ModelCIF file with pLDDT and N, C-alpha, C, O atoms, coordinates in Angstrom:
data_MODEL
#
_entry.id   MODEL 
#
_entity.id                         1 
_entity.type                       polymer 
_entity.pdbx_number_of_molecules   1 
#
_entity_poly.entity_id                      1 
_entity_poly.type                           'polypeptide(L)' 
_entity_poly.nstd_linkage                   no 
_entity_poly.nstd_monomer                   no 
_entity_poly.pdbx_seq_one_letter_code       LLNILSTCENINWFKLAITCSPRIWRKITTQLQNNETLKSLWFDV 
_entity_poly.pdbx_seq_one_letter_code_can   LLNILSTCENINWFKLAITCSPRIWRKITTQLQNNETLKSLWFDV 
_entity_poly.pdbx_strand_id                 A 
#
loop_
_entity_poly_seq.entity_id 
_entity_poly_seq.num 
_entity_poly_seq.mon_id 
_entity_poly_seq.hetero 
1 1  LEU n 
1 2  LEU n 
1 3  ASN n 
1 4  ILE n 
1 5  LEU n 
1 6  SER n 
1 7  THR n 
1 8  CYS n 
1 9  GLU n 
1 10 ASN n 
1 11 ILE n 
1 12 ASN n 
1 13 TRP n 
1 14 PHE n 
1 15 LYS n 
1 16 LEU n 
1 17 ALA n 
1 18 ILE n 
1 19 THR n 
1 20 CYS n 
1 21 SER n 
1 22 PRO n 
1 23 ARG n 
1 24 ILE n 
1 25 TRP n 
1 26 ARG n 
1 27 LYS n 
1 28 ILE n 
1 29 THR n 
1 30 THR n 
1 31 GLN n 
1 32 LEU n 
1 33 GLN n 
1 34 ASN n 
1 35 ASN n 
1 36 GLU n 
1 37 THR n 
1 38 LEU n 
1 39 LYS n 
1 40 SER n 
1 41 LEU n 
1 42 TRP n 
1 43 PHE n 
1 44 ASP n 
1 45 VAL n 
#
_struct_asym.id          A 
_struct_asym.entity_id   1 
#
loop_
_ma_qa_metric.id 
_ma_qa_metric.mode 
_ma_qa_metric.name 
_ma_qa_metric.software_group_id 
_ma_qa_metric.type 
1 global pLDDT . pLDDT 
2 local  pLDDT . pLDDT 
#
_ma_qa_metric_global.metric_id      1 
_ma_qa_metric_global.metric_value   96.29 
_ma_qa_metric_global.model_id       1 
_ma_qa_metric_global.ordinal_id     1 
#
loop_
_ma_qa_metric_local.label_asym_id 
_ma_qa_metric_local.label_comp_id 
_ma_qa_metric_local.label_seq_id 
_ma_qa_metric_local.metric_id 
_ma_qa_metric_local.metric_value 
_ma_qa_metric_local.model_id 
_ma_qa_metric_local.ordinal_id 
A LEU 1  2 96.00 1 1  
A LEU 2  2 97.00 1 2  
A ASN 3  2 96.00 1 3  
A ILE 4  2 96.00 1 4  
A LEU 5  2 96.00 1 5  
A SER 6  2 96.00 1 6  
A THR 7  2 95.00 1 7  
A CYS 8  2 95.00 1 8  
A GLU 9  2 95.00 1 9  
A ASN 10 2 94.00 1 10 
A ILE 11 2 95.00 1 11 
A ASN 12 2 94.00 1 12 
A TRP 13 2 96.00 1 13 
A PHE 14 2 97.00 1 14 
A LYS 15 2 98.00 1 15 
A LEU 16 2 98.00 1 16 
A ALA 17 2 98.00 1 17 
A ILE 18 2 98.00 1 18 
A THR 19 2 97.00 1 19 
A CYS 20 2 96.00 1 20 
A SER 21 2 96.00 1 21 
A PRO 22 2 96.00 1 22 
A ARG 23 2 96.00 1 23 
A ILE 24 2 97.00 1 24 
A TRP 25 2 97.00 1 25 
A ARG 26 2 97.00 1 26 
A LYS 27 2 97.00 1 27 
A ILE 28 2 98.00 1 28 
A THR 29 2 97.00 1 29 
A THR 30 2 97.00 1 30 
A GLN 31 2 97.00 1 31 
A LEU 32 2 96.00 1 32 
A GLN 33 2 93.00 1 33 
A ASN 34 2 91.00 1 34 
A ASN 35 2 95.00 1 35 
A GLU 36 2 96.00 1 36 
A THR 37 2 96.00 1 37 
A LEU 38 2 97.00 1 38 
A LYS 39 2 97.00 1 39 
A SER 40 2 97.00 1 40 
A LEU 41 2 98.00 1 41 
A TRP 42 2 98.00 1 42 
A PHE 43 2 98.00 1 43 
A ASP 44 2 97.00 1 44 
A VAL 45 2 96.00 1 45 
#
loop_
_atom_site.group_PDB 
_atom_site.id 
_atom_site.type_symbol 
_atom_site.label_atom_id 
_atom_site.label_alt_id 
_atom_site.label_comp_id 
_atom_site.label_asym_id 
_atom_site.label_entity_id 
_atom_site.label_seq_id 
_atom_site.pdbx_PDB_ins_code 
_atom_site.Cartn_x 
_atom_site.Cartn_y 
_atom_site.Cartn_z 
_atom_site.occupancy 
_atom_site.B_iso_or_equiv 
_atom_site.pdbx_formal_charge 
_atom_site.auth_seq_id 
_atom_site.auth_comp_id 
_atom_site.auth_asym_id 
_atom_site.auth_atom_id 
_atom_site.pdbx_PDB_model_num 
ATOM 1   N N  . LEU A 1 1  ? -48.213 14.582 -10.119 1.00 96.00 ? 1  LEU A N  1 
ATOM 2   C CA . LEU A 1 1  ? -49.081 13.402 -10.102 1.00 96.00 ? 1  LEU A CA 1 
ATOM 3   C C  . LEU A 1 1  ? -50.066 13.433 -11.272 1.00 96.00 ? 1  LEU A C  1 
ATOM 4   O O  . LEU A 1 1  ? -50.295 12.419 -11.931 1.00 96.00 ? 1  LEU A O  1 
ATOM 5   N N  . LEU A 1 2  ? -50.632 14.582 -11.516 1.00 97.00 ? 2  LEU A N  1 
ATOM 6   C CA . LEU A 1 2  ? -51.592 14.714 -12.612 1.00 97.00 ? 2  LEU A CA 1 
ATOM 7   C C  . LEU A 1 2  ? -50.911 14.623 -13.976 1.00 97.00 ? 2  LEU A C  1 
ATOM 8   O O  . LEU A 1 2  ? -51.510 14.148 -14.941 1.00 97.00 ? 2  LEU A O  1 
ATOM 9   N N  . ASN A 1 3  ? -49.670 15.074 -14.055 1.00 96.00 ? 3  ASN A N  1 
ATOM 10  C CA . ASN A 1 3  ? -48.907 14.905 -15.302 1.00 96.00 ? 3  ASN A CA 1 
ATOM 11  C C  . ASN A 1 3  ? -48.652 13.428 -15.582 1.00 96.00 ? 3  ASN A C  1 
ATOM 12  O O  . ASN A 1 3  ? -48.778 12.970 -16.718 1.00 96.00 ? 3  ASN A O  1 
ATOM 13  N N  . ILE A 1 4  ? -48.294 12.693 -14.538 1.00 96.00 ? 4  ILE A N  1 
ATOM 14  C CA . ILE A 1 4  ? -48.087 11.247 -14.693 1.00 96.00 ? 4  ILE A CA 1 
ATOM 15  C C  . ILE A 1 4  ? -49.377 10.582 -15.158 1.00 96.00 ? 4  ILE A C  1 
ATOM 16  O O  . ILE A 1 4  ? -49.368 9.752  -16.067 1.00 96.00 ? 4  ILE A O  1 
ATOM 17  N N  . LEU A 1 5  ? -50.483 10.955 -14.524 1.00 96.00 ? 5  LEU A N  1 
ATOM 18  C CA . LEU A 1 5  ? -51.780 10.382 -14.886 1.00 96.00 ? 5  LEU A CA 1 
ATOM 19  C C  . LEU A 1 5  ? -52.131 10.703 -16.336 1.00 96.00 ? 5  LEU A C  1 
ATOM 20  O O  . LEU A 1 5  ? -52.657 9.854  -17.057 1.00 96.00 ? 5  LEU A O  1 
ATOM 21  N N  . SER A 1 6  ? -51.841 11.915 -16.753 1.00 96.00 ? 6  SER A N  1 
ATOM 22  C CA . SER A 1 6  ? -52.143 12.329 -18.128 1.00 96.00 ? 6  SER A CA 1 
ATOM 23  C C  . SER A 1 6  ? -51.363 11.507 -19.146 1.00 96.00 ? 6  SER A C  1 
ATOM 24  O O  . SER A 1 6  ? -51.910 11.109 -20.175 1.00 96.00 ? 6  SER A O  1 
ATOM 25  N N  . THR A 1 7  ? -50.085 11.252 -18.863 1.00 95.00 ? 7  THR A N  1 
ATOM 26  C CA . THR A 1 7  ? -49.267 10.481 -19.810 1.00 95.00 ? 7  THR A CA 1 
ATOM 27  C C  . THR A 1 7  ? -49.667 9.009  -19.836 1.00 95.00 ? 7  THR A C  1 
ATOM 28  O O  . THR A 1 7  ? -49.352 8.295  -20.787 1.00 95.00 ? 7  THR A O  1 
ATOM 29  N N  . CYS A 1 8  ? -50.359 8.556  -18.793 1.00 95.00 ? 8  CYS A N  1 
ATOM 30  C CA . CYS A 1 8  ? -50.781 7.147  -18.720 1.00 95.00 ? 8  CYS A CA 1 
ATOM 31  C C  . CYS A 1 8  ? -52.247 6.974  -19.111 1.00 95.00 ? 8  CYS A C  1 
ATOM 32  O O  . CYS A 1 8  ? -52.838 5.918  -18.887 1.00 95.00 ? 8  CYS A O  1 
ATOM 33  N N  . GLU A 1 9  ? -52.819 8.011  -19.690 1.00 95.00 ? 9  GLU A N  1 
ATOM 34  C CA . GLU A 1 9  ? -54.249 8.006  -20.027 1.00 95.00 ? 9  GLU A CA 1 
ATOM 35  C C  . GLU A 1 9  ? -54.654 6.785  -20.848 1.00 95.00 ? 9  GLU A C  1 
ATOM 36  O O  . GLU A 1 9  ? -55.716 6.206  -20.619 1.00 95.00 ? 9  GLU A O  1 
ATOM 37  N N  . ASN A 1 10 ? -53.818 6.396  -21.796 1.00 94.00 ? 10 ASN A N  1 
ATOM 38  C CA . ASN A 1 10 ? -54.172 5.295  -22.699 1.00 94.00 ? 10 ASN A CA 1 
ATOM 39  C C  . ASN A 1 10 ? -53.436 3.995  -22.386 1.00 94.00 ? 10 ASN A C  1 
ATOM 40  O O  . ASN A 1 10 ? -53.410 3.080  -23.209 1.00 94.00 ? 10 ASN A O  1 
ATOM 41  N N  . ILE A 1 11 ? -52.846 3.915  -21.213 1.00 95.00 ? 11 ILE A N  1 
ATOM 42  C CA . ILE A 1 11 ? -52.140 2.691  -20.808 1.00 95.00 ? 11 ILE A CA 1 
ATOM 43  C C  . ILE A 1 11 ? -53.088 1.869  -19.943 1.00 95.00 ? 11 ILE A C  1 
ATOM 44  O O  . ILE A 1 11 ? -53.288 2.176  -18.767 1.00 95.00 ? 11 ILE A O  1 
ATOM 45  N N  . ASN A 1 12 ? -53.669 0.832  -20.524 1.00 94.00 ? 12 ASN A N  1 
ATOM 46  C CA . ASN A 1 12 ? -54.756 0.133  -19.835 1.00 94.00 ? 12 ASN A CA 1 
ATOM 47  C C  . ASN A 1 12 ? -54.294 -0.736 -18.667 1.00 94.00 ? 12 ASN A C  1 
ATOM 48  O O  . ASN A 1 12 ? -55.125 -1.233 -17.907 1.00 94.00 ? 12 ASN A O  1 
ATOM 49  N N  . TRP A 1 13 ? -52.975 -0.928 -18.512 1.00 96.00 ? 13 TRP A N  1 
ATOM 50  C CA . TRP A 1 13 ? -52.511 -1.727 -17.378 1.00 96.00 ? 13 TRP A CA 1 
ATOM 51  C C  . TRP A 1 13 ? -52.046 -0.854 -16.214 1.00 96.00 ? 13 TRP A C  1 
ATOM 52  O O  . TRP A 1 13 ? -51.564 -1.374 -15.208 1.00 96.00 ? 13 TRP A O  1 
ATOM 53  N N  . PHE A 1 14 ? -52.186 0.463  -16.340 1.00 97.00 ? 14 PHE A N  1 
ATOM 54  C CA . PHE A 1 14 ? -51.756 1.383  -15.282 1.00 97.00 ? 14 PHE A CA 1 
ATOM 55  C C  . PHE A 1 14 ? -52.939 1.799  -14.412 1.00 97.00 ? 14 PHE A C  1 
ATOM 56  O O  . PHE A 1 14 ? -54.000 2.157  -14.922 1.00 97.00 ? 14 PHE A O  1 
ATOM 57  N N  . LYS A 1 15 ? -52.743 1.747  -13.085 1.00 98.00 ? 15 LYS A N  1 
ATOM 58  C CA . LYS A 1 15 ? -53.756 2.182  -12.129 1.00 98.00 ? 15 LYS A CA 1 
ATOM 59  C C  . LYS A 1 15 ? -53.079 3.018  -11.037 1.00 98.00 ? 15 LYS A C  1 
ATOM 60  O O  . LYS A 1 15 ? -51.977 2.702  -10.591 1.00 98.00 ? 15 LYS A O  1 
ATOM 61  N N  . LEU A 1 16 ? -53.759 4.090  -10.617 1.00 98.00 ? 16 LEU A N  1 
ATOM 62  C CA . LEU A 1 16 ? -53.246 4.957  -9.557  1.00 98.00 ? 16 LEU A CA 1 
ATOM 63  C C  . LEU A 1 16 ? -54.304 5.098  -8.471  1.00 98.00 ? 16 LEU A C  1 
ATOM 64  O O  . LEU A 1 16 ? -55.454 5.438  -8.751  1.00 98.00 ? 16 LEU A O  1 
ATOM 65  N N  . ALA A 1 17 ? -53.908 4.834  -7.231  1.00 98.00 ? 17 ALA A N  1 
ATOM 66  C CA . ALA A 1 17 ? -54.805 5.027  -6.089  1.00 98.00 ? 17 ALA A CA 1 
ATOM 67  C C  . ALA A 1 17 ? -54.068 5.834  -5.032  1.00 98.00 ? 17 ALA A C  1 
ATOM 68  O O  . ALA A 1 17 ? -52.930 5.518  -4.685  1.00 98.00 ? 17 ALA A O  1 
ATOM 69  N N  . ILE A 1 18 ? -54.711 6.868  -4.522  1.00 98.00 ? 18 ILE A N  1 
ATOM 70  C CA . ILE A 1 18 ? -54.088 7.684  -3.482  1.00 98.00 ? 18 ILE A CA 1 
ATOM 71  C C  . ILE A 1 18 ? -55.022 7.776  -2.283  1.00 98.00 ? 18 ILE A C  1 
ATOM 72  O O  . ILE A 1 18 ? -56.227 7.559  -2.404  1.00 98.00 ? 18 ILE A O  1 
ATOM 73  N N  . THR A 1 19 ? -54.449 8.104  -1.117  1.00 97.00 ? 19 THR A N  1 
ATOM 74  C CA . THR A 1 19 ? -55.268 8.395  0.056   1.00 97.00 ? 19 THR A CA 1 
ATOM 75  C C  . THR A 1 19 ? -54.933 9.798  0.529   1.00 97.00 ? 19 THR A C  1 
ATOM 76  O O  . THR A 1 19 ? -53.784 10.235 0.465   1.00 97.00 ? 19 THR A O  1 
ATOM 77  N N  . CYS A 1 20 ? -55.951 10.492 1.001   1.00 96.00 ? 20 CYS A N  1 
ATOM 78  C CA . CYS A 1 20 ? -55.728 11.858 1.469   1.00 96.00 ? 20 CYS A CA 1 
ATOM 79  C C  . CYS A 1 20 ? -56.925 12.342 2.277   1.00 96.00 ? 20 CYS A C  1 
ATOM 80  O O  . CYS A 1 20 ? -57.933 11.647 2.405   1.00 96.00 ? 20 CYS A O  1 
ATOM 81  N N  . SER A 1 21 ? -56.795 13.518 2.803   1.00 96.00 ? 21 SER A N  1 
ATOM 82  C CA . SER A 1 21 ? -57.891 14.171 3.521   1.00 96.00 ? 21 SER A CA 1 
ATOM 83  C C  . SER A 1 21 ? -58.724 14.985 2.532   1.00 96.00 ? 21 SER A C  1 
ATOM 84  O O  . SER A 1 21 ? -58.295 15.198 1.398   1.00 96.00 ? 21 SER A O  1 
ATOM 85  N N  . PRO A 1 22 ? -59.910 15.444 2.945   1.00 96.00 ? 22 PRO A N  1 
ATOM 86  C CA . PRO A 1 22 ? -60.709 16.312 2.061   1.00 96.00 ? 22 PRO A CA 1 
ATOM 87  C C  . PRO A 1 22 ? -59.951 17.572 1.645   1.00 96.00 ? 22 PRO A C  1 
ATOM 88  O O  . PRO A 1 22 ? -60.146 18.069 0.535   1.00 96.00 ? 22 PRO A O  1 
ATOM 89  N N  . ARG A 1 23 ? -59.098 18.089 2.513   1.00 96.00 ? 23 ARG A N  1 
ATOM 90  C CA . ARG A 1 23 ? -58.345 19.310 2.192   1.00 96.00 ? 23 ARG A CA 1 
ATOM 91  C C  . ARG A 1 23 ? -57.453 19.103 0.973   1.00 96.00 ? 23 ARG A C  1 
ATOM 92  O O  . ARG A 1 23 ? -57.400 19.956 0.088   1.00 96.00 ? 23 ARG A O  1 
ATOM 93  N N  . ILE A 1 24 ? -56.752 17.970 0.925   1.00 97.00 ? 24 ILE A N  1 
ATOM 94  C CA . ILE A 1 24 ? -55.867 17.679 -0.214  1.00 97.00 ? 24 ILE A CA 1 
ATOM 95  C C  . ILE A 1 24 ? -56.678 17.407 -1.474  1.00 97.00 ? 24 ILE A C  1 
ATOM 96  O O  . ILE A 1 24 ? -56.298 17.833 -2.565  1.00 97.00 ? 24 ILE A O  1 
ATOM 97  N N  . TRP A 1 25 ? -57.801 16.696 -1.326  1.00 97.00 ? 25 TRP A N  1 
ATOM 98  C CA . TRP A 1 25 ? -58.617 16.424 -2.507  1.00 97.00 ? 25 TRP A CA 1 
ATOM 99  C C  . TRP A 1 25 ? -59.159 17.721 -3.097  1.00 97.00 ? 25 TRP A C  1 
ATOM 100 O O  . TRP A 1 25 ? -59.296 17.838 -4.315  1.00 97.00 ? 25 TRP A O  1 
ATOM 101 N N  . ARG A 1 26 ? -59.467 18.693 -2.246  1.00 97.00 ? 26 ARG A N  1 
ATOM 102 C CA . ARG A 1 26 ? -59.935 19.981 -2.751  1.00 97.00 ? 26 ARG A CA 1 
ATOM 103 C C  . ARG A 1 26 ? -58.836 20.652 -3.578  1.00 97.00 ? 26 ARG A C  1 
ATOM 104 O O  . ARG A 1 26 ? -59.120 21.289 -4.593  1.00 97.00 ? 26 ARG A O  1 
ATOM 105 N N  . LYS A 1 27 ? -57.568 20.507 -3.138  1.00 97.00 ? 27 LYS A N  1 
ATOM 106 C CA . LYS A 1 27 ? -56.453 21.037 -3.906  1.00 97.00 ? 27 LYS A CA 1 
ATOM 107 C C  . LYS A 1 27 ? -56.368 20.364 -5.276  1.00 97.00 ? 27 LYS A C  1 
ATOM 108 O O  . LYS A 1 27 ? -56.116 21.019 -6.287  1.00 97.00 ? 27 LYS A O  1 
ATOM 109 N N  . ILE A 1 28 ? -56.580 19.050 -5.294  1.00 98.00 ? 28 ILE A N  1 
ATOM 110 C CA . ILE A 1 28 ? -56.525 18.303 -6.552  1.00 98.00 ? 28 ILE A CA 1 
ATOM 111 C C  . ILE A 1 28 ? -57.654 18.731 -7.482  1.00 98.00 ? 28 ILE A C  1 
ATOM 112 O O  . ILE A 1 28 ? -57.436 18.921 -8.679  1.00 98.00 ? 28 ILE A O  1 
ATOM 113 N N  . THR A 1 29 ? -58.858 18.883 -6.937  1.00 97.00 ? 29 THR A N  1 
ATOM 114 C CA . THR A 1 29 ? -59.989 19.280 -7.777  1.00 97.00 ? 29 THR A CA 1 
ATOM 115 C C  . THR A 1 29 ? -59.786 20.685 -8.352  1.00 97.00 ? 29 THR A C  1 
ATOM 116 O O  . THR A 1 29 ? -60.262 20.988 -9.446  1.00 97.00 ? 29 THR A O  1 
ATOM 117 N N  . THR A 1 30 ? -59.082 21.531 -7.612  1.00 97.00 ? 30 THR A N  1 
ATOM 118 C CA . THR A 1 30 ? -58.789 22.879 -8.115  1.00 97.00 ? 30 THR A CA 1 
ATOM 119 C C  . THR A 1 30 ? -57.930 22.796 -9.369  1.00 97.00 ? 30 THR A C  1 
ATOM 120 O O  . THR A 1 30 ? -58.163 23.521 -10.336 1.00 97.00 ? 30 THR A O  1 
ATOM 121 N N  . GLN A 1 31 ? -56.932 21.906 -9.351  1.00 97.00 ? 31 GLN A N  1 
ATOM 122 C CA . GLN A 1 31 ? -56.069 21.763 -10.528 1.00 97.00 ? 31 GLN A CA 1 
ATOM 123 C C  . GLN A 1 31 ? -56.778 21.044 -11.676 1.00 97.00 ? 31 GLN A C  1 
ATOM 124 O O  . GLN A 1 31 ? -56.398 21.191 -12.838 1.00 97.00 ? 31 GLN A O  1 
ATOM 125 N N  . LEU A 1 32 ? -57.805 20.268 -11.343 1.00 96.00 ? 32 LEU A N  1 
ATOM 126 C CA . LEU A 1 32 ? -58.558 19.550 -12.373 1.00 96.00 ? 32 LEU A CA 1 
ATOM 127 C C  . LEU A 1 32 ? -59.701 20.379 -12.950 1.00 96.00 ? 32 LEU A C  1 
ATOM 128 O O  . LEU A 1 32 ? -60.355 19.968 -13.908 1.00 96.00 ? 32 LEU A O  1 
ATOM 129 N N  . GLN A 1 33 ? -59.932 21.528 -12.371 1.00 93.00 ? 33 GLN A N  1 
ATOM 130 C CA . GLN A 1 33 ? -61.151 22.302 -12.616 1.00 93.00 ? 33 GLN A CA 1 
ATOM 131 C C  . GLN A 1 33 ? -61.507 22.467 -14.092 1.00 93.00 ? 33 GLN A C  1 
ATOM 132 O O  . GLN A 1 33 ? -62.668 22.298 -14.465 1.00 93.00 ? 33 GLN A O  1 
ATOM 133 N N  . ASN A 1 34 ? -60.543 22.790 -14.924 1.00 91.00 ? 34 ASN A N  1 
ATOM 134 C CA . ASN A 1 34 ? -60.829 23.066 -16.336 1.00 91.00 ? 34 ASN A CA 1 
ATOM 135 C C  . ASN A 1 34 ? -60.320 21.975 -17.270 1.00 91.00 ? 34 ASN A C  1 
ATOM 136 O O  . ASN A 1 34 ? -60.139 22.209 -18.465 1.00 91.00 ? 34 ASN A O  1 
ATOM 137 N N  . ASN A 1 35 ? -60.091 20.794 -16.728 1.00 95.00 ? 35 ASN A N  1 
ATOM 138 C CA . ASN A 1 35 ? -59.549 19.709 -17.550 1.00 95.00 ? 35 ASN A CA 1 
ATOM 139 C C  . ASN A 1 35 ? -60.512 18.516 -17.509 1.00 95.00 ? 35 ASN A C  1 
ATOM 140 O O  . ASN A 1 35 ? -60.380 17.623 -16.671 1.00 95.00 ? 35 ASN A O  1 
ATOM 141 N N  . GLU A 1 36 ? -61.463 18.521 -18.414 1.00 96.00 ? 36 GLU A N  1 
ATOM 142 C CA . GLU A 1 36 ? -62.472 17.463 -18.433 1.00 96.00 ? 36 GLU A CA 1 
ATOM 143 C C  . GLU A 1 36 ? -61.886 16.102 -18.785 1.00 96.00 ? 36 GLU A C  1 
ATOM 144 O O  . GLU A 1 36 ? -62.391 15.071 -18.341 1.00 96.00 ? 36 GLU A O  1 
ATOM 145 N N  . THR A 1 37 ? -60.824 16.099 -19.580 1.00 96.00 ? 37 THR A N  1 
ATOM 146 C CA . THR A 1 37 ? -60.190 14.826 -19.950 1.00 96.00 ? 37 THR A CA 1 
ATOM 147 C C  . THR A 1 37 ? -59.603 14.140 -18.733 1.00 96.00 ? 37 THR A C  1 
ATOM 148 O O  . THR A 1 37 ? -59.817 12.946 -18.521 1.00 96.00 ? 37 THR A O  1 
ATOM 149 N N  . LEU A 1 38 ? -58.858 14.899 -17.929 1.00 97.00 ? 38 LEU A N  1 
ATOM 150 C CA . LEU A 1 38 ? -58.280 14.322 -16.713 1.00 97.00 ? 38 LEU A CA 1 
ATOM 151 C C  . LEU A 1 38 ? -59.362 13.927 -15.713 1.00 97.00 ? 38 LEU A C  1 
ATOM 152 O O  . LEU A 1 38 ? -59.241 12.906 -15.036 1.00 97.00 ? 38 LEU A O  1 
ATOM 153 N N  . LYS A 1 39 ? -60.406 14.723 -15.621 1.00 97.00 ? 39 LYS A N  1 
ATOM 154 C CA . LYS A 1 39 ? -61.510 14.385 -14.715 1.00 97.00 ? 39 LYS A CA 1 
ATOM 155 C C  . LYS A 1 39 ? -62.101 13.022 -15.067 1.00 97.00 ? 39 LYS A C  1 
ATOM 156 O O  . LYS A 1 39 ? -62.463 12.241 -14.187 1.00 97.00 ? 39 LYS A O  1 
ATOM 157 N N  . SER A 1 40 ? -62.192 12.753 -16.362 1.00 97.00 ? 40 SER A N  1 
ATOM 158 C CA . SER A 1 40 ? -62.829 11.515 -16.822 1.00 97.00 ? 40 SER A CA 1 
ATOM 159 C C  . SER A 1 40 ? -62.031 10.263 -16.465 1.00 97.00 ? 40 SER A C  1 
ATOM 160 O O  . SER A 1 40 ? -62.546 9.150  -16.569 1.00 97.00 ? 40 SER A O  1 
ATOM 161 N N  . LEU A 1 41 ? -60.777 10.437 -16.046 1.00 98.00 ? 41 LEU A N  1 
ATOM 162 C CA . LEU A 1 41 ? -59.929 9.288  -15.715 1.00 98.00 ? 41 LEU A CA 1 
ATOM 163 C C  . LEU A 1 41 ? -60.141 8.791  -14.285 1.00 98.00 ? 41 LEU A C  1 
ATOM 164 O O  . LEU A 1 41 ? -59.655 7.720  -13.920 1.00 98.00 ? 41 LEU A O  1 
ATOM 165 N N  . TRP A 1 42 ? -60.874 9.573  -13.470 1.00 98.00 ? 42 TRP A N  1 
ATOM 166 C CA . TRP A 1 42 ? -61.041 9.240  -12.053 1.00 98.00 ? 42 TRP A CA 1 
ATOM 167 C C  . TRP A 1 42 ? -62.297 8.396  -11.818 1.00 98.00 ? 42 TRP A C  1 
ATOM 168 O O  . TRP A 1 42 ? -63.350 8.642  -12.405 1.00 98.00 ? 42 TRP A O  1 
ATOM 169 N N  . PHE A 1 43 ? -62.158 7.408  -10.953 1.00 98.00 ? 43 PHE A N  1 
ATOM 170 C CA . PHE A 1 43 ? -63.262 6.494  -10.646 1.00 98.00 ? 43 PHE A CA 1 
ATOM 171 C C  . PHE A 1 43 ? -64.047 6.968  -9.425  1.00 98.00 ? 43 PHE A C  1 
ATOM 172 O O  . PHE A 1 43 ? -63.492 7.107  -8.335  1.00 98.00 ? 43 PHE A O  1 
ATOM 173 N N  . ASP A 1 44 ? -65.342 7.213  -9.618  1.00 97.00 ? 44 ASP A N  1 
ATOM 174 C CA . ASP A 1 44 ? -66.299 7.410  -8.526  1.00 97.00 ? 44 ASP A CA 1 
ATOM 175 C C  . ASP A 1 44 ? -65.845 8.440  -7.488  1.00 97.00 ? 44 ASP A C  1 
ATOM 176 O O  . ASP A 1 44 ? -65.656 8.115  -6.315  1.00 97.00 ? 44 ASP A O  1 
ATOM 177 N N  . VAL A 1 45 ? -65.674 9.679  -7.934  1.00 96.00 ? 45 VAL A N  1 
ATOM 178 C CA . VAL A 1 45 ? -65.278 10.750 -7.016  1.00 96.00 ? 45 VAL A CA 1 
ATOM 179 C C  . VAL A 1 45 ? -66.177 11.966 -7.233  1.00 96.00 ? 45 VAL A C  1 
ATOM 180 O O  . VAL A 1 45 ? -66.012 12.983 -6.560  1.00 96.00 ? 45 VAL A O  1 
#
């Protein structure tokens, strides 16, 4: 999912929305931990 998001970084017509529990979001934040560029793509989290 994060690879897809990374390749769509500059595609202004692409939007991704997911639903999950806090447990899954914690897993996602772990993978985002050292990637400030990917972090910057997320809205209000």
